[in-house]
Amino acid sequence: MRLAIISDIHGNLPALEAALTSSAAQGVDQYVCLGDVAVFGPQPHKCVARLQTLNCRFIMGNTDAYALEPYPLPHRD
């Protein structure tokens, strides 16, 4: 089994598609995402939907947790 591990997509659909194209060319059977799929990017919903079509397994990242349960971000001085 060939496994592709991806992370920190941050809603960047063109970059995600490039990574998936490269992975498919290498015969990947299963995808695992280590988090930060959405938030702070231009197309978060499309990125999540695209990974769901691949039966990707997800580990929630800190920005994914923020999307589900918003909390105040720390201020930078």
PDB file of N, CA and C in Angstrom:
ATOM      1  N   MET A   1       0.842  -1.175   0.000  1.00  0.00           N
ATOM      2  CA  MET A   1       0.000   0.000   0.000  1.00  0.00           C
ATOM      3  C   MET A   1       0.887   1.238   0.000  1.00  0.00           C
ATOM      4  N   ARG A   2       0.555   2.175  -0.869  1.00  0.00           N
ATOM      5  CA  ARG A   2       1.273   3.453  -0.904  1.00  0.00           C
ATOM      6  C   ARG A   2       0.422   4.513  -0.223  1.00  0.00           C
ATOM      7  N   LEU A   3       1.054   5.229   0.667  1.00  0.00           N
ATOM      8  CA  LEU A   3       0.381   6.210   1.507  1.00  0.00           C
ATOM      9  C   LEU A   3       0.917   7.599   1.190  1.00  0.00           C
ATOM     10  N   ALA A   4       0.017   8.562   1.036  1.00  0.00           N
ATOM     11  CA  ALA A   4       0.421   9.964   0.884  1.00  0.00           C
ATOM     12  C   ALA A   4       0.011  10.702   2.144  1.00  0.00           C
ATOM     13  N   ILE A   5       0.946  11.414   2.721  1.00  0.00           N
ATOM     14  CA  ILE A   5       0.676  12.197   3.919  1.00  0.00           C
ATOM     15  C   ILE A   5       0.798  13.662   3.548  1.00  0.00           C
ATOM     16  N   ILE A   6      -0.275  14.405   3.796  1.00  0.00           N
ATOM     17  CA  ILE A   6      -0.297  15.826   3.461  1.00  0.00           C
ATOM     18  C   ILE A   6      -0.712  16.615   4.695  1.00  0.00           C
ATOM     19  N   SER A   7      -0.380  17.904   4.692  1.00  0.00           N
ATOM     20  CA  SER A   7      -0.781  18.763   5.809  1.00  0.00           C
ATOM     21  C   SER A   7      -0.681  20.220   5.400  1.00  0.00           C
ATOM     22  N   ASP A   8      -1.242  21.068   6.225  1.00  0.00           N
ATOM     23  CA  ASP A   8      -1.141  22.521   6.083  1.00  0.00           C
ATOM     24  C   ASP A   8      -1.567  23.019   4.706  1.00  0.00           C
ATOM     25  N   ILE A   9      -2.711  22.569   4.256  1.00  0.00           N
ATOM     26  CA  ILE A   9      -3.250  22.993   2.965  1.00  0.00           C
ATOM     27  C   ILE A   9      -3.789  24.416   3.055  1.00  0.00           C
ATOM     28  N   HIS A  10      -4.403  24.739   4.161  1.00  0.00           N
ATOM     29  CA  HIS A  10      -4.929  26.083   4.435  1.00  0.00           C
ATOM     30  C   HIS A  10      -5.771  26.643   3.290  1.00  0.00           C
ATOM     31  N   GLY A  11      -6.651  25.815   2.741  1.00  0.00           N
ATOM     32  CA  GLY A  11      -7.595  26.285   1.737  1.00  0.00           C
ATOM     33  C   GLY A  11      -7.007  26.580   0.373  1.00  0.00           C
ATOM     34  N   ASN A  12      -5.806  26.118   0.097  1.00  0.00           N
ATOM     35  CA  ASN A  12      -5.138  26.383  -1.181  1.00  0.00           C
ATOM     36  C   ASN A  12      -5.428  25.231  -2.141  1.00  0.00           C
ATOM     37  N   LEU A  13      -6.549  25.339  -2.860  1.00  0.00           N
ATOM     38  CA  LEU A  13      -6.988  24.259  -3.740  1.00  0.00           C
ATOM     39  C   LEU A  13      -6.003  23.968  -4.874  1.00  0.00           C
ATOM     40  N   PRO A  14      -5.436  24.964  -5.561  1.00  0.00           N
ATOM     41  CA  PRO A  14      -4.473  24.636  -6.622  1.00  0.00           C
ATOM     42  C   PRO A  14      -3.263  23.842  -6.109  1.00  0.00           C
ATOM     43  N   ALA A  15      -2.770  24.184  -4.939  1.00  0.00           N
ATOM     44  CA  ALA A  15      -1.641  23.440  -4.369  1.00  0.00           C
ATOM     45  C   ALA A  15      -2.067  22.023  -3.993  1.00  0.00           C
ATOM     46  N   LEU A  16      -3.261  21.886  -3.439  1.00  0.00           N
ATOM     47  CA  LEU A  16      -3.773  20.560  -3.096  1.00  0.00           C
ATOM     48  C   LEU A  16      -3.893  19.703  -4.348  1.00  0.00           C
ATOM     49  N   GLU A  17      -4.471  20.256  -5.406  1.00  0.00           N
ATOM     50  CA  GLU A  17      -4.629  19.500  -6.652  1.00  0.00           C
ATOM     51  C   GLU A  17      -3.278  19.080  -7.218  1.00  0.00           C
ATOM     52  N   ALA A  18      -2.280  19.946  -7.130  1.00  0.00           N
ATOM     53  CA  ALA A  18      -0.937  19.597  -7.610  1.00  0.00           C
ATOM     54  C   ALA A  18      -0.364  18.433  -6.805  1.00  0.00           C
ATOM     55  N   ALA A  19      -0.543  18.472  -5.495  1.00  0.00           N
ATOM     56  CA  ALA A  19      -0.051  17.387  -4.641  1.00  0.00           C
ATOM     57  C   ALA A  19      -0.785  16.081  -4.939  1.00  0.00           C
ATOM     58  N   LEU A  20      -2.091  16.165  -5.165  1.00  0.00           N
ATOM     59  CA  LEU A  20      -2.865  14.962  -5.459  1.00  0.00           C
ATOM     60  C   LEU A  20      -2.495  14.376  -6.817  1.00  0.00           C
ATOM     61  N   THR A  21      -2.242  15.231  -7.791  1.00  0.00           N
ATOM     62  CA  THR A  21      -1.819  14.764  -9.114  1.00  0.00           C
ATOM     63  C   THR A  21      -0.491  14.032  -9.022  1.00  0.00           C
ATOM     64  N   SER A  22       0.442  14.608  -8.290  1.00  0.00           N
ATOM     65  CA  SER A  22       1.747  13.977  -8.103  1.00  0.00           C
ATOM     66  C   SER A  22       1.613  12.643  -7.371  1.00  0.00           C
ATOM     67  N   SER A  23       0.776  12.619  -6.357  1.00  0.00           N
ATOM     68  CA  SER A  23       0.567  11.389  -5.584  1.00  0.00           C
ATOM     69  C   SER A  23      -0.071  10.297  -6.441  1.00  0.00           C
ATOM     70  N   ALA A  24      -1.060  10.669  -7.230  1.00  0.00           N
ATOM     71  CA  ALA A  24      -1.732   9.691  -8.089  1.00  0.00           C
ATOM     72  C   ALA A  24      -0.756   9.097  -9.099  1.00  0.00           C
ATOM     73  N   ALA A  25       0.144   9.921  -9.616  1.00  0.00           N
ATOM     74  CA  ALA A  25       1.142   9.442 -10.577  1.00  0.00           C
ATOM     75  C   ALA A  25       2.087   8.424  -9.943  1.00  0.00           C
ATOM     76  N   GLN A  26       2.198   8.465  -8.628  1.00  0.00           N
ATOM     77  CA  GLN A  26       3.070   7.533  -7.906  1.00  0.00           C
ATOM     78  C   GLN A  26       2.308   6.326  -7.360  1.00  0.00           C
ATOM     79  N   GLY A  27       1.037   6.228  -7.713  1.00  0.00           N
ATOM     80  CA  GLY A  27       0.250   5.061  -7.327  1.00  0.00           C
ATOM     81  C   GLY A  27      -0.207   5.026  -5.888  1.00  0.00           C
ATOM     82  N   VAL A  28      -0.503   6.183  -5.334  1.00  0.00           N
ATOM     83  CA  VAL A  28      -0.956   6.246  -3.936  1.00  0.00           C
ATOM     84  C   VAL A  28      -2.315   5.568  -3.786  1.00  0.00           C
ATOM     85  N   ASP A  29      -2.434   4.771  -2.725  1.00  0.00           N
ATOM     86  CA  ASP A  29      -3.676   4.050  -2.422  1.00  0.00           C
ATOM     87  C   ASP A  29      -4.509   4.718  -1.333  1.00  0.00           C
ATOM     88  N   GLN A  30      -3.859   5.397  -0.414  1.00  0.00           N
ATOM     89  CA  GLN A  30      -4.546   5.987   0.740  1.00  0.00           C
ATOM     90  C   GLN A  30      -3.921   7.336   1.072  1.00  0.00           C
ATOM     91  N   TYR A  31      -4.781   8.279   1.457  1.00  0.00           N
ATOM     92  CA  TYR A  31      -4.332   9.617   1.836  1.00  0.00           C
ATOM     93  C   TYR A  31      -4.603   9.840   3.316  1.00  0.00           C
ATOM     94  N   VAL A  32      -3.660  10.495   3.975  1.00  0.00           N
ATOM     95  CA  VAL A  32      -3.817  10.899   5.366  1.00  0.00           C
ATOM     96  C   VAL A  32      -3.467  12.377   5.435  1.00  0.00           C
ATOM     97  N   CYS A  33      -4.344  13.148   6.037  1.00  0.00           N
ATOM     98  CA  CYS A  33      -4.097  14.579   6.201  1.00  0.00           C
ATOM     99  C   CYS A  33      -3.829  14.862   7.673  1.00  0.00           C
ATOM    100  N   LEU A  34      -2.695  15.488   7.931  1.00  0.00           N
ATOM    101  CA  LEU A  34      -2.282  15.772   9.306  1.00  0.00           C
ATOM    102  C   LEU A  34      -2.800  17.107   9.823  1.00  0.00           C
ATOM    103  N   GLY A  35      -3.805  17.646   9.173  1.00  0.00           N
ATOM    104  CA  GLY A  35      -4.474  18.823   9.706  1.00  0.00           C
ATOM    105  C   GLY A  35      -4.234  20.104   8.951  1.00  0.00           C
ATOM    106  N   ASP A  36      -4.969  21.107   9.368  1.00  0.00           N
ATOM    107  CA  ASP A  36      -4.933  22.456   8.813  1.00  0.00           C
ATOM    108  C   ASP A  36      -5.337  22.478   7.340  1.00  0.00           C
ATOM    109  N   VAL A  37      -6.482  21.865   7.068  1.00  0.00           N
ATOM    110  CA  VAL A  37      -7.037  21.850   5.715  1.00  0.00           C
ATOM    111  C   VAL A  37      -7.686  23.188   5.402  1.00  0.00           C
ATOM    112  N   ALA A  38      -8.444  23.695   6.345  1.00  0.00           N
ATOM    113  CA  ALA A  38      -9.246  24.892   6.111  1.00  0.00           C
ATOM    114  C   ALA A  38      -8.718  26.073   6.927  1.00  0.00           C
ATOM    115  N   VAL A  39      -9.388  27.168   6.802  1.00  0.00           N
ATOM    116  CA  VAL A  39      -9.106  28.423   7.505  1.00  0.00           C
ATOM    117  C   VAL A  39      -7.851  29.086   6.934  1.00  0.00           C
ATOM    118  N   PHE A  40      -7.909  30.375   6.809  1.00  0.00           N
ATOM    119  CA  PHE A  40      -6.815  31.220   6.330  1.00  0.00           C
ATOM    120  C   PHE A  40      -6.454  30.971   4.869  1.00  0.00           C
ATOM    121  N   GLY A  41      -7.352  30.473   4.083  1.00  0.00           N
ATOM    122  CA  GLY A  41      -7.075  30.253   2.667  1.00  0.00           C
ATOM    123  C   GLY A  41      -8.283  30.594   1.824  1.00  0.00           C
ATOM    124  N   PRO A  42      -8.106  30.648   0.506  1.00  0.00           N
ATOM    125  CA  PRO A  42      -9.178  31.102  -0.378  1.00  0.00           C
ATOM    126  C   PRO A  42     -10.301  30.093  -0.624  1.00  0.00           C
ATOM    127  N   GLN A  43     -10.046  28.775  -0.519  1.00  0.00           N
ATOM    128  CA  GLN A  43     -11.063  27.785  -0.876  1.00  0.00           C
ATOM    129  C   GLN A  43     -11.122  26.619   0.128  1.00  0.00           C
ATOM    130  N   PRO A  44     -11.368  26.912   1.391  1.00  0.00           N
ATOM    131  CA  PRO A  44     -11.335  25.843   2.392  1.00  0.00           C
ATOM    132  C   PRO A  44     -12.390  24.765   2.182  1.00  0.00           C
ATOM    133  N   HIS A  45     -13.614  25.150   1.832  1.00  0.00           N
ATOM    134  CA  HIS A  45     -14.683  24.163   1.676  1.00  0.00           C
ATOM    135  C   HIS A  45     -14.385  23.209   0.524  1.00  0.00           C
ATOM    136  N   LYS A  46     -13.851  23.751  -0.564  1.00  0.00           N
ATOM    137  CA  LYS A  46     -13.525  22.911  -1.718  1.00  0.00           C
ATOM    138  C   LYS A  46     -12.388  21.946  -1.401  1.00  0.00           C
ATOM    139  N   CYS A  47     -11.446  22.378  -0.593  1.00  0.00           N
ATOM    140  CA  CYS A  47     -10.343  21.489  -0.202  1.00  0.00           C
ATOM    141  C   CYS A  47     -10.852  20.329   0.639  1.00  0.00           C
ATOM    142  N   VAL A  48     -11.710  20.617   1.595  1.00  0.00           N
ATOM    143  CA  VAL A  48     -12.279  19.554   2.432  1.00  0.00           C
ATOM    144  C   VAL A  48     -13.086  18.593   1.565  1.00  0.00           C
ATOM    145  N   ALA A  49     -13.918  19.141   0.693  1.00  0.00           N
ATOM    146  CA  ALA A  49     -14.745  18.300  -0.176  1.00  0.00           C
ATOM    147  C   ALA A  49     -13.885  17.429  -1.085  1.00  0.00           C
ATOM    148  N   ARG A  50     -12.819  17.985  -1.600  1.00  0.00           N
ATOM    149  CA  ARG A  50     -11.931  17.215  -2.497  1.00  0.00           C
ATOM    150  C   ARG A  50     -11.286  16.052  -1.747  1.00  0.00           C
ATOM    151  N   LEU A  51     -10.819  16.289  -0.558  1.00  0.00           N
ATOM    152  CA  LEU A  51     -10.207  15.216   0.227  1.00  0.00           C
ATOM    153  C   LEU A  51     -11.234  14.156   0.618  1.00  0.00           C
ATOM    154  N   GLN A  52     -12.462  14.565   0.842  1.00  0.00           N
ATOM    155  CA  GLN A  52     -13.508  13.601   1.188  1.00  0.00           C
ATOM    156  C   GLN A  52     -13.795  12.657   0.023  1.00  0.00           C
ATOM    157  N   THR A  53     -13.631  13.134  -1.208  1.00  0.00           N
ATOM    158  CA  THR A  53     -13.851  12.256  -2.367  1.00  0.00           C
ATOM    159  C   THR A  53     -12.806  11.153  -2.432  1.00  0.00           C
ATOM    160  N   LEU A  54     -11.690  11.331  -1.749  1.00  0.00           N
ATOM    161  CA  LEU A  54     -10.602  10.353  -1.760  1.00  0.00           C
ATOM    162  C   LEU A  54     -10.652   9.414  -0.562  1.00  0.00           C
ATOM    163  N   ASN A  55     -11.674   9.547   0.261  1.00  0.00           N
ATOM    164  CA  ASN A  55     -11.760   8.774   1.503  1.00  0.00           C
ATOM    165  C   ASN A  55     -10.513   9.002   2.364  1.00  0.00           C
ATOM    166  N   CYS A  56     -10.087  10.244   2.403  1.00  0.00           N
ATOM    167  CA  CYS A  56      -8.899  10.643   3.160  1.00  0.00           C
ATOM    168  C   CYS A  56      -9.181  10.541   4.656  1.00  0.00           C
ATOM    169  N   ARG A  57      -8.198  10.113   5.388  1.00  0.00           N
ATOM    170  CA  ARG A  57      -8.280  10.095   6.851  1.00  0.00           C
ATOM    171  C   ARG A  57      -7.695  11.406   7.365  1.00  0.00           C
ATOM    172  N   PHE A  58      -8.354  11.990   8.350  1.00  0.00           N
ATOM    173  CA  PHE A  58      -7.966  13.302   8.859  1.00  0.00           C
ATOM    174  C   PHE A  58      -7.551  13.245  10.322  1.00  0.00           C
ATOM    175  N   ILE A  59      -6.564  14.031  10.650  1.00  0.00           N
ATOM    176  CA  ILE A  59      -6.228  14.366  12.026  1.00  0.00           C
ATOM    177  C   ILE A  59      -6.467  15.864  12.129  1.00  0.00           C
ATOM    178  N   MET A  60      -7.198  16.299  13.127  1.00  0.00           N
ATOM    179  CA  MET A  60      -7.544  17.706  13.238  1.00  0.00           C
ATOM    180  C   MET A  60      -6.328  18.545  13.614  1.00  0.00           C
ATOM    181  N   GLY A  61      -6.125  19.612  12.854  1.00  0.00           N
ATOM    182  CA  GLY A  61      -5.074  20.572  13.171  1.00  0.00           C
ATOM    183  C   GLY A  61      -5.625  21.724  13.992  1.00  0.00           C
ATOM    184  N   ASN A  62      -4.751  22.598  14.437  1.00  0.00           N
ATOM    185  CA  ASN A  62      -5.204  23.705  15.281  1.00  0.00           C
ATOM    186  C   ASN A  62      -6.154  24.644  14.541  1.00  0.00           C
ATOM    187  N   THR A  63      -5.943  24.901  13.252  1.00  0.00           N
ATOM    188  CA  THR A  63      -6.866  25.789  12.544  1.00  0.00           C
ATOM    189  C   THR A  63      -8.182  25.085  12.239  1.00  0.00           C
ATOM    190  N   ASP A  64      -8.155  23.775  12.081  1.00  0.00           N
ATOM    191  CA  ASP A  64      -9.397  23.032  11.893  1.00  0.00           C
ATOM    192  C   ASP A  64     -10.242  23.103  13.161  1.00  0.00           C
ATOM    193  N   ALA A  65      -9.597  22.984  14.298  1.00  0.00           N
ATOM    194  CA  ALA A  65     -10.301  23.097  15.575  1.00  0.00           C
ATOM    195  C   ALA A  65     -10.920  24.487  15.714  1.00  0.00           C
ATOM    196  N   TYR A  66     -10.205  25.507  15.268  1.00  0.00           N
ATOM    197  CA  TYR A  66     -10.729  26.870  15.330  1.00  0.00           C
ATOM    198  C   TYR A  66     -11.980  27.010  14.465  1.00  0.00           C
ATOM    199  N   ALA A  67     -11.985  26.362  13.308  1.00  0.00           N
ATOM    200  CA  ALA A  67     -13.140  26.448  12.414  1.00  0.00           C
ATOM    201  C   ALA A  67     -14.378  25.818  13.052  1.00  0.00           C
ATOM    202  N   LEU A  68     -14.179  24.787  13.852  1.00  0.00           N
ATOM    203  CA  LEU A  68     -15.299  24.108  14.496  1.00  0.00           C
ATOM    204  C   LEU A  68     -15.741  24.778  15.790  1.00  0.00           C
ATOM    205  N   GLU A  69     -14.807  25.305  16.534  1.00  0.00           N
ATOM    206  CA  GLU A  69     -15.087  25.950  17.819  1.00  0.00           C
ATOM    207  C   GLU A  69     -14.271  27.230  17.902  1.00  0.00           C
ATOM    208  N   PRO A  70     -14.755  28.316  17.302  1.00  0.00           N
ATOM    209  CA  PRO A  70     -13.956  29.550  17.298  1.00  0.00           C
ATOM    210  C   PRO A  70     -13.600  30.028  18.706  1.00  0.00           C
ATOM    211  N   TYR A  71     -12.391  30.440  18.846  1.00  0.00           N
ATOM    212  CA  TYR A  71     -11.904  31.021  20.089  1.00  0.00           C
ATOM    213  C   TYR A  71     -11.041  32.207  19.710  1.00  0.00           C
ATOM    214  N   PRO A  72     -10.883  33.149  20.592  1.00  0.00           N
ATOM    215  CA  PRO A  72     -10.101  34.340  20.240  1.00  0.00           C
ATOM    216  C   PRO A  72      -8.648  33.978  19.938  1.00  0.00           C
ATOM    217  N   LEU A  73      -8.143  34.529  18.858  1.00  0.00           N
ATOM    218  CA  LEU A  73      -6.734  34.338  18.535  1.00  0.00           C
ATOM    219  C   LEU A  73      -5.893  35.252  19.415  1.00  0.00           C
ATOM    220  N   PRO A  74      -4.713  34.823  19.807  1.00  0.00           N
ATOM    221  CA  PRO A  74      -3.863  35.686  20.636  1.00  0.00           C
ATOM    222  C   PRO A  74      -3.432  36.927  19.859  1.00  0.00           C
ATOM    223  N   HIS A  75      -3.336  38.028  20.566  1.00  0.00           N
ATOM    224  CA  HIS A  75      -2.886  39.276  19.943  1.00  0.00           C
ATOM    225  C   HIS A  75      -1.374  39.286  19.856  1.00  0.00           C
ATOM    226  N   ARG A  76      -0.887  39.816  18.753  1.00  0.00           N
ATOM    227  CA  ARG A  76       0.564  39.976  18.598  1.00  0.00           C
ATOM    228  C   ARG A  76       0.894  41.445  18.782  1.00  0.00           C
ATOM    229  N   ASP A  77       1.837  41.719  19.644  1.00  0.00           N
ATOM    230  CA  ASP A  77       2.231  43.114  19.881  1.00  0.00           C
ATOM    231  C   ASP A  77       3.463  43.467  19.097  1.00  0.00           C
TER     232      ASP A  77
END
